[in-house]
Amino acid sequence: MQKARTGAVAAKEENTPSQLIDARIEELADWRGEMLARVRALIQAADPQVVETWKWRGVPVWEHAGIICTGETYKTTAKLTFAKGAALADPSGLFNASLEGNTRRAIDLHEGDKIDESAFKTLIRAAVALNISSGAKRPPRKA
């Protein structure tokens, strides 16, 4: 016998990832929500085919042929973690966190920070291109 779900839990399960991201932005109701909304718009402008997902119990994720980046929020930081950031060229120096790893790189944004929109869009496009090229190299799965 299945346990009855509360209205909030049932409603949450029915929301799309985009609706959940909308709700997160509204819930934050401060500069972090504004920043998350801003980078989201930039990601969508850079890659109109981006797919929004919701993973790991509440993390907005943007994907195209794999994960591009995640958008976590903390008390004093909005963090964009690029799944394959270490493999991306970053001539504008946007990456400022998680620089020691072999795979990921992150951009920590703080209240009042400005985003170099052109450089950010270029980074998003490079991440998409890397995902697409990485996928093309994988051998097809056997049935």
N, C-alpha and C. Protein backbone atom coordinates (compact mmCIF):
# COMPACT_ATOMS: atom_id res chain seq x y z
N MET A 1 0.84 -1.18 0.00
CA MET A 1 0.00 0.00 0.00
C MET A 1 0.89 1.25 0.00
N GLN A 2 0.63 2.17 -0.88
CA GLN A 2 1.45 3.37 -1.01
C GLN A 2 1.00 4.42 0.01
N LYS A 3 1.99 5.04 0.64
CA LYS A 3 1.72 6.08 1.62
C LYS A 3 1.21 7.33 0.92
N ALA A 4 0.20 7.98 1.48
CA ALA A 4 -0.35 9.20 0.89
C ALA A 4 0.69 10.31 0.96
N ARG A 5 0.76 11.10 -0.10
CA ARG A 5 1.71 12.21 -0.15
C ARG A 5 1.02 13.48 0.30
N THR A 6 1.78 14.32 0.95
CA THR A 6 1.23 15.63 1.32
C THR A 6 1.11 16.47 0.06
N GLY A 7 0.29 17.49 0.10
CA GLY A 7 0.09 18.35 -1.06
C GLY A 7 1.38 18.96 -1.55
N ALA A 8 2.24 19.43 -0.62
CA ALA A 8 3.49 20.08 -1.01
C ALA A 8 4.43 19.11 -1.71
N VAL A 9 4.51 17.88 -1.18
CA VAL A 9 5.40 16.88 -1.79
C VAL A 9 4.87 16.49 -3.16
N ALA A 10 3.56 16.27 -3.27
CA ALA A 10 2.98 15.89 -4.56
C ALA A 10 3.15 17.01 -5.57
N ALA A 11 2.94 18.25 -5.16
CA ALA A 11 3.10 19.39 -6.07
C ALA A 11 4.54 19.51 -6.53
N LYS A 12 5.48 19.32 -5.60
CA LYS A 12 6.90 19.44 -5.95
C LYS A 12 7.28 18.38 -6.98
N GLU A 13 6.75 17.18 -6.83
CA GLU A 13 7.07 16.11 -7.76
C GLU A 13 6.51 16.37 -9.15
N GLU A 14 5.47 17.20 -9.26
CA GLU A 14 4.84 17.47 -10.54
C GLU A 14 5.47 18.66 -11.25
N ASN A 15 6.26 19.46 -10.56
CA ASN A 15 6.88 20.63 -11.18
C ASN A 15 7.99 20.22 -12.13
N THR A 16 8.13 20.98 -13.19
CA THR A 16 9.23 20.77 -14.12
C THR A 16 10.51 21.33 -13.49
N PRO A 17 11.67 20.92 -13.98
CA PRO A 17 12.91 21.51 -13.47
C PRO A 17 12.93 23.03 -13.61
N SER A 18 12.44 23.55 -14.71
CA SER A 18 12.41 25.01 -14.90
C SER A 18 11.53 25.68 -13.85
N GLN A 19 10.41 25.07 -13.52
CA GLN A 19 9.54 25.62 -12.48
C GLN A 19 10.23 25.57 -11.12
N LEU A 20 10.98 24.51 -10.86
CA LEU A 20 11.71 24.40 -9.60
C LEU A 20 12.80 25.47 -9.51
N ILE A 21 13.45 25.76 -10.62
CA ILE A 21 14.46 26.83 -10.64
C ILE A 21 13.78 28.18 -10.43
N ASP A 22 12.65 28.39 -11.08
CA ASP A 22 11.88 29.62 -10.84
C ASP A 22 11.57 29.78 -9.35
N ALA A 23 11.11 28.70 -8.74
CA ALA A 23 10.76 28.73 -7.31
C ALA A 23 11.98 29.02 -6.45
N ARG A 24 13.13 28.44 -6.80
CA ARG A 24 14.36 28.69 -6.03
C ARG A 24 14.73 30.17 -6.09
N ILE A 25 14.66 30.74 -7.29
CA ILE A 25 14.99 32.16 -7.47
C ILE A 25 14.06 33.02 -6.61
N GLU A 26 12.77 32.71 -6.65
CA GLU A 26 11.79 33.47 -5.86
C GLU A 26 12.01 33.27 -4.35
N GLU A 27 12.30 32.06 -3.97
CA GLU A 27 12.52 31.72 -2.55
C GLU A 27 13.72 32.46 -1.97
N LEU A 28 14.75 32.64 -2.76
CA LEU A 28 15.95 33.32 -2.27
C LEU A 28 15.66 34.79 -1.96
N ALA A 29 14.90 35.43 -2.83
CA ALA A 29 14.43 36.81 -2.61
C ALA A 29 15.52 37.79 -2.18
N ASP A 30 16.71 37.62 -2.70
CA ASP A 30 17.81 38.55 -2.42
C ASP A 30 18.74 38.57 -3.61
N TRP A 31 19.94 39.10 -3.44
CA TRP A 31 20.88 39.22 -4.54
C TRP A 31 21.23 37.87 -5.16
N ARG A 32 21.20 36.77 -4.34
CA ARG A 32 21.53 35.45 -4.87
C ARG A 32 20.49 35.00 -5.89
N GLY A 33 19.22 35.27 -5.61
CA GLY A 33 18.17 34.95 -6.57
C GLY A 33 18.30 35.76 -7.84
N GLU A 34 18.61 37.04 -7.67
CA GLU A 34 18.82 37.91 -8.83
C GLU A 34 20.00 37.42 -9.66
N MET A 35 21.08 37.03 -8.99
CA MET A 35 22.27 36.55 -9.70
C MET A 35 21.97 35.23 -10.43
N LEU A 36 21.26 34.33 -9.76
CA LEU A 36 20.91 33.06 -10.38
C LEU A 36 20.03 33.30 -11.61
N ALA A 37 19.09 34.23 -11.50
CA ALA A 37 18.22 34.57 -12.63
C ALA A 37 19.05 35.17 -13.77
N ARG A 38 20.03 36.00 -13.43
CA ARG A 38 20.86 36.66 -14.45
C ARG A 38 21.71 35.64 -15.20
N VAL A 39 22.39 34.75 -14.48
CA VAL A 39 23.24 33.77 -15.16
C VAL A 39 22.39 32.77 -15.95
N ARG A 40 21.22 32.47 -15.42
CA ARG A 40 20.31 31.58 -16.15
C ARG A 40 19.96 32.20 -17.51
N ALA A 41 19.63 33.48 -17.51
CA ALA A 41 19.29 34.17 -18.76
C ALA A 41 20.48 34.18 -19.72
N LEU A 42 21.66 34.37 -19.19
CA LEU A 42 22.87 34.36 -20.03
C LEU A 42 23.13 32.99 -20.62
N ILE A 43 22.92 31.94 -19.82
CA ILE A 43 23.10 30.57 -20.29
C ILE A 43 22.11 30.29 -21.42
N GLN A 44 20.86 30.68 -21.22
CA GLN A 44 19.83 30.44 -22.24
C GLN A 44 20.11 31.25 -23.51
N ALA A 45 20.65 32.45 -23.35
CA ALA A 45 20.99 33.27 -24.52
C ALA A 45 22.18 32.67 -25.28
N ALA A 46 23.14 32.13 -24.54
CA ALA A 46 24.33 31.54 -25.17
C ALA A 46 24.00 30.23 -25.87
N ASP A 47 23.05 29.48 -25.31
CA ASP A 47 22.69 28.18 -25.88
C ASP A 47 21.18 27.99 -25.81
N PRO A 48 20.46 28.38 -26.84
CA PRO A 48 19.01 28.25 -26.83
C PRO A 48 18.51 26.80 -26.70
N GLN A 49 19.39 25.82 -26.93
CA GLN A 49 19.00 24.42 -26.82
C GLN A 49 19.30 23.84 -25.43
N VAL A 50 19.74 24.67 -24.49
CA VAL A 50 20.08 24.19 -23.16
C VAL A 50 18.85 23.55 -22.51
N VAL A 51 19.10 22.52 -21.72
CA VAL A 51 18.04 21.84 -20.99
C VAL A 51 18.28 22.08 -19.50
N GLU A 52 17.25 22.53 -18.81
CA GLU A 52 17.35 22.73 -17.37
C GLU A 52 16.92 21.45 -16.65
N THR A 53 17.73 21.05 -15.69
CA THR A 53 17.40 19.89 -14.87
C THR A 53 17.55 20.27 -13.40
N TRP A 54 17.10 19.38 -12.54
CA TRP A 54 17.10 19.62 -11.09
C TRP A 54 17.64 18.35 -10.47
N LYS A 55 18.83 18.41 -9.88
CA LYS A 55 19.49 17.21 -9.37
C LYS A 55 19.93 17.36 -7.92
N TRP A 56 20.32 16.26 -7.39
CA TRP A 56 20.94 16.20 -6.06
C TRP A 56 20.12 16.94 -5.01
N ARG A 57 18.83 16.68 -5.02
CA ARG A 57 17.93 17.27 -4.02
C ARG A 57 17.95 18.79 -3.98
N GLY A 58 17.95 19.39 -5.14
CA GLY A 58 17.76 20.83 -5.16
C GLY A 58 18.84 21.67 -5.79
N VAL A 59 19.54 21.15 -6.79
CA VAL A 59 20.57 21.94 -7.46
C VAL A 59 20.15 22.16 -8.91
N PRO A 60 20.00 23.44 -9.32
CA PRO A 60 19.74 23.71 -10.73
C PRO A 60 20.94 23.29 -11.57
N VAL A 61 20.65 22.62 -12.69
CA VAL A 61 21.70 22.14 -13.59
C VAL A 61 21.31 22.48 -15.02
N TRP A 62 22.29 22.95 -15.78
CA TRP A 62 22.07 23.25 -17.19
C TRP A 62 22.87 22.25 -18.00
N GLU A 63 22.19 21.62 -18.98
CA GLU A 63 22.80 20.55 -19.76
C GLU A 63 22.60 20.74 -21.26
N HIS A 64 23.57 20.26 -21.99
CA HIS A 64 23.49 20.12 -23.45
C HIS A 64 24.55 19.09 -23.81
N ALA A 65 24.11 17.90 -24.18
CA ALA A 65 25.01 16.78 -24.46
C ALA A 65 25.86 16.45 -23.24
N GLY A 66 25.32 16.69 -22.06
CA GLY A 66 26.02 16.49 -20.79
C GLY A 66 25.88 17.74 -19.94
N ILE A 67 26.38 17.68 -18.73
CA ILE A 67 26.27 18.82 -17.83
C ILE A 67 27.19 19.95 -18.29
N ILE A 68 26.62 21.14 -18.39
CA ILE A 68 27.41 22.34 -18.65
C ILE A 68 27.88 22.87 -17.30
N CYS A 69 26.90 23.24 -16.45
CA CYS A 69 27.24 23.74 -15.13
C CYS A 69 26.06 23.60 -14.17
N THR A 70 26.38 23.72 -12.90
CA THR A 70 25.37 23.72 -11.84
C THR A 70 25.31 25.12 -11.25
N GLY A 71 24.21 25.42 -10.58
CA GLY A 71 24.05 26.73 -9.96
C GLY A 71 23.66 26.61 -8.50
N GLU A 72 24.65 26.46 -7.65
CA GLU A 72 24.39 26.35 -6.22
C GLU A 72 24.38 27.73 -5.57
N THR A 73 23.64 27.86 -4.50
CA THR A 73 23.64 29.11 -3.74
C THR A 73 23.96 28.81 -2.29
N TYR A 74 24.79 29.65 -1.72
CA TYR A 74 25.20 29.55 -0.32
C TYR A 74 24.92 30.89 0.35
N LYS A 75 25.22 31.01 1.60
CA LYS A 75 24.91 32.22 2.35
C LYS A 75 25.52 33.47 1.73
N THR A 76 26.77 33.39 1.31
CA THR A 76 27.45 34.58 0.77
C THR A 76 27.92 34.41 -0.67
N THR A 77 27.51 33.32 -1.32
CA THR A 77 28.03 33.02 -2.65
C THR A 77 26.97 32.36 -3.54
N ALA A 78 26.99 32.73 -4.79
CA ALA A 78 26.30 31.96 -5.82
C ALA A 78 27.44 31.31 -6.62
N LYS A 79 27.41 29.99 -6.74
CA LYS A 79 28.52 29.24 -7.34
C LYS A 79 28.05 28.53 -8.60
N LEU A 80 28.77 28.76 -9.68
CA LEU A 80 28.54 28.05 -10.93
C LEU A 80 29.69 27.08 -11.12
N THR A 81 29.41 25.80 -11.04
CA THR A 81 30.44 24.78 -11.19
C THR A 81 30.31 24.14 -12.57
N PHE A 82 31.38 24.24 -13.34
CA PHE A 82 31.41 23.67 -14.68
C PHE A 82 31.97 22.26 -14.61
N ALA A 83 31.19 21.30 -15.08
CA ALA A 83 31.53 19.89 -14.97
C ALA A 83 32.88 19.55 -15.58
N LYS A 84 33.21 20.16 -16.72
CA LYS A 84 34.48 19.89 -17.41
C LYS A 84 35.31 21.16 -17.50
N GLY A 85 35.20 22.00 -16.49
CA GLY A 85 35.84 23.30 -16.50
C GLY A 85 37.34 23.27 -16.68
N ALA A 86 38.01 22.25 -16.15
CA ALA A 86 39.47 22.18 -16.26
C ALA A 86 39.91 22.02 -17.72
N ALA A 87 39.02 21.52 -18.57
CA ALA A 87 39.36 21.32 -19.98
C ALA A 87 38.99 22.52 -20.85
N LEU A 88 38.45 23.57 -20.23
CA LEU A 88 38.03 24.75 -20.99
C LEU A 88 39.05 25.87 -20.92
N ALA A 89 39.26 26.53 -22.03
CA ALA A 89 40.09 27.73 -22.02
C ALA A 89 39.30 28.84 -21.32
N ASP A 90 39.99 29.61 -20.51
CA ASP A 90 39.34 30.70 -19.77
C ASP A 90 40.21 31.96 -19.86
N PRO A 91 40.35 32.51 -21.08
CA PRO A 91 41.24 33.66 -21.25
C PRO A 91 40.81 34.90 -20.46
N SER A 92 39.54 35.01 -20.12
CA SER A 92 39.06 36.16 -19.36
C SER A 92 39.18 35.98 -17.85
N GLY A 93 39.60 34.78 -17.42
CA GLY A 93 39.80 34.53 -16.00
C GLY A 93 38.52 34.50 -15.18
N LEU A 94 37.45 33.96 -15.75
CA LEU A 94 36.19 33.87 -15.01
C LEU A 94 36.26 32.86 -13.88
N PHE A 95 36.95 31.76 -14.10
CA PHE A 95 37.06 30.75 -13.06
C PHE A 95 37.87 31.31 -11.89
N ASN A 96 37.29 31.25 -10.70
CA ASN A 96 37.98 31.75 -9.52
C ASN A 96 37.85 30.82 -8.31
N ALA A 97 37.36 29.61 -8.55
CA ALA A 97 37.19 28.65 -7.45
C ALA A 97 37.37 27.24 -7.99
N SER A 98 37.67 26.32 -7.10
CA SER A 98 37.88 24.91 -7.47
C SER A 98 38.95 24.78 -8.54
N LEU A 99 39.99 25.58 -8.43
CA LEU A 99 41.03 25.60 -9.46
C LEU A 99 42.04 24.47 -9.33
N GLU A 100 42.03 23.79 -8.19
CA GLU A 100 43.04 22.76 -7.95
C GLU A 100 42.65 21.38 -8.50
N GLY A 101 41.38 21.21 -8.88
CA GLY A 101 40.92 19.91 -9.34
C GLY A 101 41.33 19.60 -10.77
N ASN A 102 41.19 18.35 -11.14
CA ASN A 102 41.55 17.92 -12.49
C ASN A 102 40.38 17.97 -13.47
N THR A 103 39.18 18.19 -12.95
CA THR A 103 38.01 18.12 -13.82
C THR A 103 37.17 19.39 -13.77
N ARG A 104 36.69 19.74 -12.59
CA ARG A 104 35.76 20.87 -12.47
C ARG A 104 36.48 22.19 -12.23
N ARG A 105 35.79 23.27 -12.58
CA ARG A 105 36.20 24.63 -12.25
C ARG A 105 34.92 25.37 -11.89
N ALA A 106 35.04 26.40 -11.07
CA ALA A 106 33.85 27.12 -10.64
C ALA A 106 34.05 28.63 -10.71
N ILE A 107 32.93 29.32 -10.74
CA ILE A 107 32.90 30.77 -10.65
C ILE A 107 32.10 31.10 -9.39
N ASP A 108 32.75 31.68 -8.42
CA ASP A 108 32.07 32.15 -7.22
C ASP A 108 31.66 33.60 -7.44
N LEU A 109 30.39 33.87 -7.27
CA LEU A 109 29.86 35.22 -7.43
C LEU A 109 29.38 35.72 -6.08
N HIS A 110 29.71 36.95 -5.77
CA HIS A 110 29.34 37.55 -4.49
C HIS A 110 28.46 38.76 -4.74
N GLU A 111 27.80 39.21 -3.70
CA GLU A 111 26.92 40.36 -3.82
C GLU A 111 27.68 41.55 -4.43
N GLY A 112 27.09 42.15 -5.44
CA GLY A 112 27.70 43.31 -6.09
C GLY A 112 28.63 42.97 -7.24
N ASP A 113 28.97 41.68 -7.42
CA ASP A 113 29.85 41.30 -8.53
C ASP A 113 29.18 41.58 -9.87
N LYS A 114 29.98 41.97 -10.82
CA LYS A 114 29.53 42.16 -12.20
C LYS A 114 30.00 40.94 -13.01
N ILE A 115 29.22 40.58 -13.99
CA ILE A 115 29.56 39.45 -14.85
C ILE A 115 29.98 40.00 -16.21
N ASP A 116 31.11 39.52 -16.70
CA ASP A 116 31.51 39.83 -18.07
C ASP A 116 30.63 38.95 -18.96
N GLU A 117 29.52 39.52 -19.42
CA GLU A 117 28.52 38.73 -20.13
C GLU A 117 29.05 38.08 -21.39
N SER A 118 29.84 38.79 -22.15
CA SER A 118 30.39 38.24 -23.38
C SER A 118 31.30 37.06 -23.09
N ALA A 119 32.20 37.22 -22.13
CA ALA A 119 33.12 36.14 -21.76
C ALA A 119 32.36 34.94 -21.19
N PHE A 120 31.32 35.22 -20.42
CA PHE A 120 30.52 34.13 -19.82
C PHE A 120 29.81 33.33 -20.92
N LYS A 121 29.20 34.02 -21.86
CA LYS A 121 28.52 33.32 -22.96
C LYS A 121 29.52 32.50 -23.78
N THR A 122 30.70 33.05 -23.99
CA THR A 122 31.74 32.31 -24.72
C THR A 122 32.11 31.04 -23.96
N LEU A 123 32.22 31.14 -22.64
CA LEU A 123 32.54 29.97 -21.81
C LEU A 123 31.43 28.92 -21.89
N ILE A 124 30.18 29.36 -21.86
CA ILE A 124 29.05 28.42 -21.98
C ILE A 124 29.11 27.71 -23.33
N ARG A 125 29.34 28.46 -24.39
CA ARG A 125 29.40 27.85 -25.73
C ARG A 125 30.57 26.86 -25.83
N ALA A 126 31.68 27.19 -25.21
CA ALA A 126 32.83 26.28 -25.21
C ALA A 126 32.51 25.00 -24.45
N ALA A 127 31.79 25.13 -23.34
CA ALA A 127 31.40 23.94 -22.56
C ALA A 127 30.47 23.04 -23.37
N VAL A 128 29.54 23.65 -24.08
CA VAL A 128 28.63 22.88 -24.94
C VAL A 128 29.43 22.18 -26.04
N ALA A 129 30.31 22.90 -26.69
CA ALA A 129 31.12 22.31 -27.77
C ALA A 129 31.95 21.14 -27.24
N LEU A 130 32.51 21.29 -26.04
CA LEU A 130 33.29 20.20 -25.44
C LEU A 130 32.40 18.99 -25.16
N ASN A 131 31.22 19.23 -24.62
CA ASN A 131 30.29 18.13 -24.36
C ASN A 131 29.94 17.40 -25.65
N ILE A 132 29.66 18.15 -26.69
CA ILE A 132 29.28 17.54 -27.97
C ILE A 132 30.45 16.75 -28.55
N SER A 133 31.64 17.32 -28.51
CA SER A 133 32.80 16.62 -29.07
C SER A 133 33.17 15.39 -28.23
N SER A 134 32.99 15.47 -26.94
CA SER A 134 33.27 14.32 -26.06
C SER A 134 32.30 13.19 -26.34
N GLY A 135 31.04 13.53 -26.56
CA GLY A 135 30.03 12.53 -26.85
C GLY A 135 30.27 11.85 -28.18
N ALA A 136 30.80 12.58 -29.13
CA ALA A 136 31.05 12.02 -30.45
C ALA A 136 32.17 11.00 -30.43
N LYS A 137 33.04 11.09 -29.44
CA LYS A 137 34.18 10.16 -29.37
C LYS A 137 33.83 8.84 -28.69
N ARG A 138 32.71 8.80 -27.99
CA ARG A 138 32.33 7.58 -27.30
C ARG A 138 31.86 6.53 -28.31
N PRO A 139 32.26 5.27 -28.11
CA PRO A 139 31.77 4.23 -29.01
C PRO A 139 30.28 4.01 -28.75
N PRO A 140 29.54 3.61 -29.76
CA PRO A 140 28.11 3.34 -29.56
C PRO A 140 27.91 2.18 -28.60
N ARG A 141 26.83 2.25 -27.84
CA ARG A 141 26.51 1.18 -26.88
C ARG A 141 26.03 -0.05 -27.64
N LYS A 142 26.42 -1.20 -27.11
CA LYS A 142 25.96 -2.46 -27.70
C LYS A 142 24.61 -2.82 -27.08
N ALA A 143 23.75 -3.33 -27.91
CA ALA A 143 22.41 -3.68 -27.43
C ALA A 143 22.41 -5.01 -26.72
